Amino acid sequence: MTELAYVDSSCLVAVAFDEPGSADLRARLAAASDLLSSNLLEAELRATFVREEASGPEPFLIPITWVLPDRPLGPEIVRVLEAGYARGADVWHLATALYLADDPADLPFLTLDVRQRELARVLGFPTAV
């Protein structure tokens, strides 16, 4: 096991549906000592499973440690949007990761979304998947 990592739903979708490159991603996720995410990931993953008419995503949700901020994420959201535009869900994941990280360089941000990964890099998160 290596480190903590923030994981976006795009990674779990890729692993769940065995998308190209998912074997390497599966290994990267398994190497993390703790996978952290916003509970928005659950809604995104469950919606994908319904769309794909697949059975429940529970095995992919079990290893996640949920980050439930105890305050509005306004400052973090502003910081993300100052780095560049992204869709609301992507902004929320990035803002949640900023909420966690005293120093973004200490928290890998795992995503397959190209724009989100670009913003994560601008914000200082390691982004290698």
N, C-alpha and C. Protein backbone atom coordinates (compact mmCIF):
# COMPACT_ATOMS: atom_id res chain seq x y z
N MET A 1 0.84 -1.19 0.00
CA MET A 1 0.00 0.00 0.00
C MET A 1 0.88 1.24 0.00
N THR A 2 0.40 2.25 -0.68
CA THR A 2 1.18 3.47 -0.75
C THR A 2 0.52 4.58 0.03
N GLU A 3 -0.34 5.35 -0.58
CA GLU A 3 -0.81 6.59 0.00
C GLU A 3 -2.32 6.70 -0.07
N LEU A 4 -2.80 7.78 0.51
CA LEU A 4 -4.17 8.18 0.32
C LEU A 4 -4.31 8.66 -1.11
N ALA A 5 -5.50 8.54 -1.67
CA ALA A 5 -5.76 9.08 -3.01
C ALA A 5 -7.23 9.47 -3.09
N TYR A 6 -7.49 10.57 -3.75
CA TYR A 6 -8.87 10.97 -4.04
C TYR A 6 -9.23 10.35 -5.38
N VAL A 7 -10.38 9.69 -5.45
CA VAL A 7 -10.78 9.01 -6.68
C VAL A 7 -12.10 9.59 -7.19
N ASP A 8 -12.12 9.87 -8.48
CA ASP A 8 -13.30 10.35 -9.17
C ASP A 8 -14.07 9.15 -9.73
N SER A 9 -15.35 9.32 -9.97
CA SER A 9 -16.18 8.22 -10.45
C SER A 9 -15.72 7.65 -11.79
N SER A 10 -15.07 8.45 -12.62
CA SER A 10 -14.62 7.94 -13.92
C SER A 10 -13.70 6.74 -13.77
N CYS A 11 -12.92 6.71 -12.72
CA CYS A 11 -12.01 5.58 -12.49
C CYS A 11 -12.78 4.32 -12.12
N LEU A 12 -13.77 4.46 -11.24
CA LEU A 12 -14.53 3.28 -10.83
C LEU A 12 -15.41 2.76 -11.96
N VAL A 13 -15.92 3.66 -12.80
CA VAL A 13 -16.70 3.23 -13.96
C VAL A 13 -15.81 2.42 -14.90
N ALA A 14 -14.60 2.89 -15.14
CA ALA A 14 -13.67 2.18 -16.03
C ALA A 14 -13.37 0.78 -15.50
N VAL A 15 -13.15 0.67 -14.20
CA VAL A 15 -12.85 -0.63 -13.61
C VAL A 15 -14.09 -1.52 -13.62
N ALA A 16 -15.23 -0.97 -13.27
CA ALA A 16 -16.46 -1.75 -13.19
C ALA A 16 -16.85 -2.35 -14.53
N PHE A 17 -16.61 -1.60 -15.60
CA PHE A 17 -17.02 -2.05 -16.92
C PHE A 17 -15.85 -2.50 -17.78
N ASP A 18 -14.71 -2.75 -17.11
CA ASP A 18 -13.54 -3.31 -17.75
C ASP A 18 -13.15 -2.57 -19.03
N GLU A 19 -13.12 -1.26 -18.94
CA GLU A 19 -12.75 -0.42 -20.08
C GLU A 19 -11.25 -0.56 -20.35
N PRO A 20 -10.80 -0.21 -21.55
CA PRO A 20 -9.37 -0.30 -21.86
C PRO A 20 -8.52 0.44 -20.82
N GLY A 21 -7.45 -0.20 -20.40
CA GLY A 21 -6.57 0.38 -19.39
C GLY A 21 -7.02 0.14 -17.96
N SER A 22 -8.13 -0.56 -17.79
CA SER A 22 -8.66 -0.72 -16.43
C SER A 22 -7.79 -1.63 -15.56
N ALA A 23 -7.03 -2.53 -16.16
CA ALA A 23 -6.17 -3.41 -15.34
C ALA A 23 -5.11 -2.58 -14.61
N ASP A 24 -4.48 -1.65 -15.32
CA ASP A 24 -3.49 -0.77 -14.67
C ASP A 24 -4.15 0.10 -13.62
N LEU A 25 -5.32 0.60 -13.94
CA LEU A 25 -6.05 1.44 -13.00
C LEU A 25 -6.44 0.65 -11.76
N ARG A 26 -6.90 -0.58 -11.95
CA ARG A 26 -7.26 -1.44 -10.83
C ARG A 26 -6.06 -1.61 -9.88
N ALA A 27 -4.88 -1.82 -10.47
CA ALA A 27 -3.66 -1.96 -9.66
C ALA A 27 -3.36 -0.67 -8.91
N ARG A 28 -3.53 0.47 -9.56
CA ARG A 28 -3.27 1.78 -8.92
C ARG A 28 -4.22 1.99 -7.75
N LEU A 29 -5.48 1.65 -7.94
CA LEU A 29 -6.46 1.80 -6.86
C LEU A 29 -6.15 0.86 -5.70
N ALA A 30 -5.74 -0.36 -6.02
CA ALA A 30 -5.41 -1.34 -4.98
C ALA A 30 -4.17 -0.93 -4.20
N ALA A 31 -3.28 -0.16 -4.82
CA ALA A 31 -2.05 0.26 -4.16
C ALA A 31 -2.27 1.38 -3.15
N ALA A 32 -3.40 2.05 -3.23
CA ALA A 32 -3.68 3.15 -2.30
C ALA A 32 -4.08 2.58 -0.94
N SER A 33 -3.59 3.18 0.11
CA SER A 33 -3.95 2.73 1.45
C SER A 33 -5.39 3.12 1.79
N ASP A 34 -5.87 4.19 1.20
CA ASP A 34 -7.23 4.64 1.44
C ASP A 34 -7.69 5.44 0.23
N LEU A 35 -8.87 5.10 -0.30
CA LEU A 35 -9.47 5.83 -1.40
C LEU A 35 -10.53 6.76 -0.84
N LEU A 36 -10.40 8.02 -1.13
CA LEU A 36 -11.31 9.04 -0.61
C LEU A 36 -12.14 9.60 -1.75
N SER A 37 -13.39 9.97 -1.46
CA SER A 37 -14.20 10.62 -2.48
C SER A 37 -15.40 11.30 -1.85
N SER A 38 -15.95 12.24 -2.59
CA SER A 38 -17.21 12.87 -2.24
C SER A 38 -18.32 11.84 -2.41
N ASN A 39 -19.38 11.94 -1.63
CA ASN A 39 -20.48 11.00 -1.81
C ASN A 39 -21.23 11.24 -3.12
N LEU A 40 -20.88 12.27 -3.85
CA LEU A 40 -21.39 12.45 -5.21
C LEU A 40 -20.99 11.26 -6.08
N LEU A 41 -19.85 10.66 -5.80
CA LEU A 41 -19.40 9.49 -6.55
C LEU A 41 -20.46 8.39 -6.52
N GLU A 42 -21.10 8.19 -5.38
CA GLU A 42 -22.12 7.13 -5.29
C GLU A 42 -23.25 7.40 -6.27
N ALA A 43 -23.75 8.62 -6.33
CA ALA A 43 -24.84 8.95 -7.25
C ALA A 43 -24.40 8.75 -8.70
N GLU A 44 -23.19 9.20 -9.02
CA GLU A 44 -22.69 9.06 -10.38
C GLU A 44 -22.52 7.59 -10.76
N LEU A 45 -21.98 6.80 -9.85
CA LEU A 45 -21.75 5.39 -10.14
C LEU A 45 -23.07 4.63 -10.26
N ARG A 46 -23.99 4.87 -9.33
CA ARG A 46 -25.29 4.19 -9.40
C ARG A 46 -26.05 4.56 -10.68
N ALA A 47 -26.00 5.82 -11.07
CA ALA A 47 -26.67 6.25 -12.30
C ALA A 47 -26.07 5.54 -13.52
N THR A 48 -24.76 5.38 -13.53
CA THR A 48 -24.11 4.67 -14.64
C THR A 48 -24.54 3.22 -14.67
N PHE A 49 -24.61 2.58 -13.53
CA PHE A 49 -25.03 1.18 -13.48
C PHE A 49 -26.47 1.02 -13.99
N VAL A 50 -27.35 1.95 -13.66
CA VAL A 50 -28.73 1.89 -14.17
C VAL A 50 -28.72 2.10 -15.68
N ARG A 51 -28.00 3.10 -16.15
CA ARG A 51 -27.92 3.36 -17.59
C ARG A 51 -27.43 2.15 -18.36
N GLU A 52 -26.44 1.46 -17.80
CA GLU A 52 -25.85 0.30 -18.46
C GLU A 52 -26.59 -1.01 -18.16
N GLU A 53 -27.68 -0.88 -17.38
CA GLU A 53 -28.48 -2.05 -16.98
C GLU A 53 -27.62 -3.14 -16.36
N ALA A 54 -26.74 -2.70 -15.46
CA ALA A 54 -25.83 -3.61 -14.75
C ALA A 54 -26.30 -3.78 -13.31
N SER A 55 -25.91 -4.89 -12.72
CA SER A 55 -26.28 -5.11 -11.32
C SER A 55 -25.45 -4.20 -10.42
N GLY A 56 -25.90 -4.05 -9.19
CA GLY A 56 -25.40 -3.09 -8.21
C GLY A 56 -23.91 -2.82 -8.13
N PRO A 57 -23.58 -1.57 -7.84
CA PRO A 57 -22.19 -1.14 -7.75
C PRO A 57 -21.56 -1.31 -6.38
N GLU A 58 -22.25 -1.95 -5.44
CA GLU A 58 -21.77 -2.01 -4.06
C GLU A 58 -20.31 -2.44 -3.91
N PRO A 59 -19.84 -3.47 -4.63
CA PRO A 59 -18.43 -3.86 -4.44
C PRO A 59 -17.43 -2.73 -4.76
N PHE A 60 -17.84 -1.80 -5.60
CA PHE A 60 -16.95 -0.70 -5.97
C PHE A 60 -17.05 0.46 -4.97
N LEU A 61 -18.11 0.47 -4.18
CA LEU A 61 -18.31 1.53 -3.19
C LEU A 61 -17.70 1.18 -1.83
N ILE A 62 -17.58 -0.09 -1.53
CA ILE A 62 -17.11 -0.53 -0.21
C ILE A 62 -15.75 0.06 0.17
N PRO A 63 -14.77 0.10 -0.73
CA PRO A 63 -13.46 0.60 -0.29
C PRO A 63 -13.35 2.12 -0.16
N ILE A 64 -14.41 2.85 -0.47
CA ILE A 64 -14.34 4.30 -0.45
C ILE A 64 -14.55 4.84 0.95
N THR A 65 -13.70 5.77 1.35
CA THR A 65 -13.91 6.55 2.57
C THR A 65 -14.57 7.85 2.13
N TRP A 66 -15.77 8.07 2.62
CA TRP A 66 -16.55 9.23 2.17
C TRP A 66 -16.10 10.50 2.86
N VAL A 67 -15.96 11.54 2.06
CA VAL A 67 -15.61 12.86 2.57
C VAL A 67 -16.89 13.67 2.63
N LEU A 68 -17.28 14.04 3.83
CA LEU A 68 -18.51 14.79 4.05
C LEU A 68 -18.14 16.12 4.71
N PRO A 69 -17.90 17.15 3.89
CA PRO A 69 -17.49 18.44 4.46
C PRO A 69 -18.51 18.96 5.47
N ASP A 70 -17.99 19.60 6.50
CA ASP A 70 -18.85 20.12 7.55
C ASP A 70 -19.16 21.61 7.38
N ARG A 71 -18.89 22.09 6.17
CA ARG A 71 -19.16 23.50 5.85
C ARG A 71 -19.29 23.63 4.34
N PRO A 72 -19.86 24.73 3.86
CA PRO A 72 -19.92 24.95 2.42
C PRO A 72 -18.49 25.01 1.83
N LEU A 73 -18.36 24.59 0.60
CA LEU A 73 -17.04 24.56 -0.05
C LEU A 73 -16.82 25.76 -0.96
N GLY A 74 -17.45 26.87 -0.63
CA GLY A 74 -17.33 28.08 -1.45
C GLY A 74 -15.90 28.47 -1.77
N PRO A 75 -15.00 28.57 -0.78
CA PRO A 75 -13.62 28.97 -1.10
C PRO A 75 -12.93 28.00 -2.04
N GLU A 76 -13.17 26.72 -1.84
CA GLU A 76 -12.55 25.71 -2.70
C GLU A 76 -13.14 25.74 -4.11
N ILE A 77 -14.45 25.96 -4.21
CA ILE A 77 -15.10 26.04 -5.52
C ILE A 77 -14.55 27.24 -6.29
N VAL A 78 -14.42 28.37 -5.62
CA VAL A 78 -13.85 29.56 -6.26
C VAL A 78 -12.44 29.27 -6.75
N ARG A 79 -11.65 28.62 -5.93
CA ARG A 79 -10.26 28.28 -6.31
C ARG A 79 -10.23 27.39 -7.55
N VAL A 80 -11.12 26.40 -7.59
CA VAL A 80 -11.17 25.52 -8.77
C VAL A 80 -11.54 26.33 -10.01
N LEU A 81 -12.58 27.15 -9.91
CA LEU A 81 -13.02 27.90 -11.07
C LEU A 81 -12.03 28.97 -11.50
N GLU A 82 -11.22 29.46 -10.57
CA GLU A 82 -10.13 30.37 -10.95
C GLU A 82 -9.07 29.64 -11.76
N ALA A 83 -8.94 28.34 -11.54
CA ALA A 83 -7.98 27.54 -12.30
C ALA A 83 -8.49 27.26 -13.71
N GLY A 84 -9.82 27.30 -13.89
CA GLY A 84 -10.42 27.07 -15.20
C GLY A 84 -11.82 26.54 -15.06
N TYR A 85 -12.54 26.52 -16.17
CA TYR A 85 -13.93 26.05 -16.17
C TYR A 85 -14.00 24.53 -16.17
N ALA A 86 -14.98 24.00 -15.45
CA ALA A 86 -15.31 22.58 -15.49
C ALA A 86 -16.80 22.45 -15.18
N ARG A 87 -17.36 21.29 -15.50
CA ARG A 87 -18.76 21.01 -15.16
C ARG A 87 -18.91 20.94 -13.65
N GLY A 88 -20.13 21.17 -13.19
CA GLY A 88 -20.39 21.23 -11.75
C GLY A 88 -19.92 20.03 -10.96
N ALA A 89 -20.18 18.82 -11.46
CA ALA A 89 -19.77 17.62 -10.72
C ALA A 89 -18.25 17.55 -10.63
N ASP A 90 -17.56 17.92 -11.69
CA ASP A 90 -16.09 17.90 -11.67
C ASP A 90 -15.56 18.96 -10.70
N VAL A 91 -16.20 20.11 -10.67
CA VAL A 91 -15.81 21.17 -9.72
C VAL A 91 -16.00 20.66 -8.30
N TRP A 92 -17.11 19.97 -8.04
CA TRP A 92 -17.38 19.47 -6.69
C TRP A 92 -16.31 18.48 -6.25
N HIS A 93 -15.93 17.54 -7.13
CA HIS A 93 -14.89 16.58 -6.76
C HIS A 93 -13.56 17.30 -6.47
N LEU A 94 -13.20 18.24 -7.31
CA LEU A 94 -11.94 18.97 -7.09
C LEU A 94 -12.00 19.80 -5.81
N ALA A 95 -13.13 20.45 -5.57
CA ALA A 95 -13.28 21.26 -4.35
C ALA A 95 -13.22 20.37 -3.11
N THR A 96 -13.81 19.19 -3.18
CA THR A 96 -13.77 18.27 -2.05
C THR A 96 -12.34 17.83 -1.78
N ALA A 97 -11.59 17.56 -2.83
CA ALA A 97 -10.18 17.18 -2.66
C ALA A 97 -9.39 18.34 -2.05
N LEU A 98 -9.66 19.57 -2.48
CA LEU A 98 -8.98 20.72 -1.88
C LEU A 98 -9.32 20.86 -0.40
N TYR A 99 -10.56 20.58 -0.06
CA TYR A 99 -11.00 20.62 1.34
C TYR A 99 -10.16 19.68 2.20
N LEU A 100 -9.83 18.53 1.64
CA LEU A 100 -9.04 17.52 2.36
C LEU A 100 -7.57 17.87 2.49
N ALA A 101 -7.03 18.46 1.46
CA ALA A 101 -5.58 18.57 1.32
C ALA A 101 -5.04 19.89 1.87
N ASP A 102 -4.21 19.78 2.91
CA ASP A 102 -3.48 20.99 3.33
C ASP A 102 -2.57 21.43 2.19
N ASP A 103 -1.97 20.46 1.52
CA ASP A 103 -1.12 20.71 0.36
C ASP A 103 -1.54 19.73 -0.73
N PRO A 104 -2.13 20.22 -1.83
CA PRO A 104 -2.57 19.31 -2.89
C PRO A 104 -1.47 18.37 -3.40
N ALA A 105 -0.22 18.76 -3.29
CA ALA A 105 0.87 17.90 -3.75
C ALA A 105 0.95 16.60 -2.96
N ASP A 106 0.28 16.56 -1.81
CA ASP A 106 0.31 15.36 -0.96
C ASP A 106 -0.86 14.41 -1.20
N LEU A 107 -1.77 14.74 -2.11
CA LEU A 107 -2.95 13.92 -2.32
C LEU A 107 -3.14 13.64 -3.81
N PRO A 108 -2.79 12.46 -4.27
CA PRO A 108 -3.05 12.13 -5.67
C PRO A 108 -4.55 12.24 -5.99
N PHE A 109 -4.85 12.80 -7.15
CA PHE A 109 -6.22 12.94 -7.63
C PHE A 109 -6.36 12.03 -8.84
N LEU A 110 -7.15 10.97 -8.70
CA LEU A 110 -7.27 9.97 -9.75
C LEU A 110 -8.54 10.19 -10.55
N THR A 111 -8.39 10.47 -11.82
CA THR A 111 -9.52 10.68 -12.72
C THR A 111 -9.11 10.32 -14.14
N LEU A 112 -10.07 9.89 -14.92
CA LEU A 112 -9.83 9.64 -16.34
C LEU A 112 -10.38 10.77 -17.18
N ASP A 113 -11.06 11.72 -16.55
CA ASP A 113 -11.62 12.87 -17.25
C ASP A 113 -10.49 13.84 -17.58
N VAL A 114 -10.29 14.10 -18.86
CA VAL A 114 -9.14 14.90 -19.31
C VAL A 114 -9.18 16.31 -18.74
N ARG A 115 -10.32 16.99 -18.81
CA ARG A 115 -10.41 18.37 -18.31
C ARG A 115 -10.22 18.41 -16.80
N GLN A 116 -10.84 17.49 -16.10
CA GLN A 116 -10.70 17.46 -14.65
C GLN A 116 -9.24 17.21 -14.26
N ARG A 117 -8.58 16.30 -14.96
CA ARG A 117 -7.17 16.01 -14.67
C ARG A 117 -6.31 17.26 -14.92
N GLU A 118 -6.61 17.98 -15.98
CA GLU A 118 -5.86 19.21 -16.29
C GLU A 118 -6.01 20.23 -15.15
N LEU A 119 -7.22 20.41 -14.67
CA LEU A 119 -7.45 21.35 -13.56
C LEU A 119 -6.81 20.85 -12.28
N ALA A 120 -6.85 19.56 -12.04
CA ALA A 120 -6.21 19.00 -10.85
C ALA A 120 -4.71 19.31 -10.87
N ARG A 121 -4.09 19.17 -12.03
CA ARG A 121 -2.66 19.50 -12.15
C ARG A 121 -2.40 20.97 -11.87
N VAL A 122 -3.25 21.84 -12.43
CA VAL A 122 -3.10 23.28 -12.20
C VAL A 122 -3.21 23.58 -10.71
N LEU A 123 -4.09 22.87 -10.02
CA LEU A 123 -4.28 23.09 -8.58
C LEU A 123 -3.17 22.46 -7.73
N GLY A 124 -2.32 21.67 -8.36
CA GLY A 124 -1.17 21.11 -7.65
C GLY A 124 -1.29 19.66 -7.23
N PHE A 125 -2.35 18.97 -7.62
CA PHE A 125 -2.51 17.55 -7.28
C PHE A 125 -1.66 16.68 -8.20
N PRO A 126 -1.02 15.65 -7.69
CA PRO A 126 -0.43 14.63 -8.57
C PRO A 126 -1.59 13.90 -9.26
N THR A 127 -1.43 13.62 -10.55
CA THR A 127 -2.57 13.08 -11.30
C THR A 127 -2.26 11.80 -12.09
N ALA A 128 -1.11 11.22 -11.92
CA ALA A 128 -0.79 10.00 -12.69
C ALA A 128 -1.75 8.89 -12.32
N VAL A 129 -2.30 8.25 -13.35
CA VAL A 129 -3.20 7.11 -13.12
C VAL A 129 -2.54 5.86 -13.60
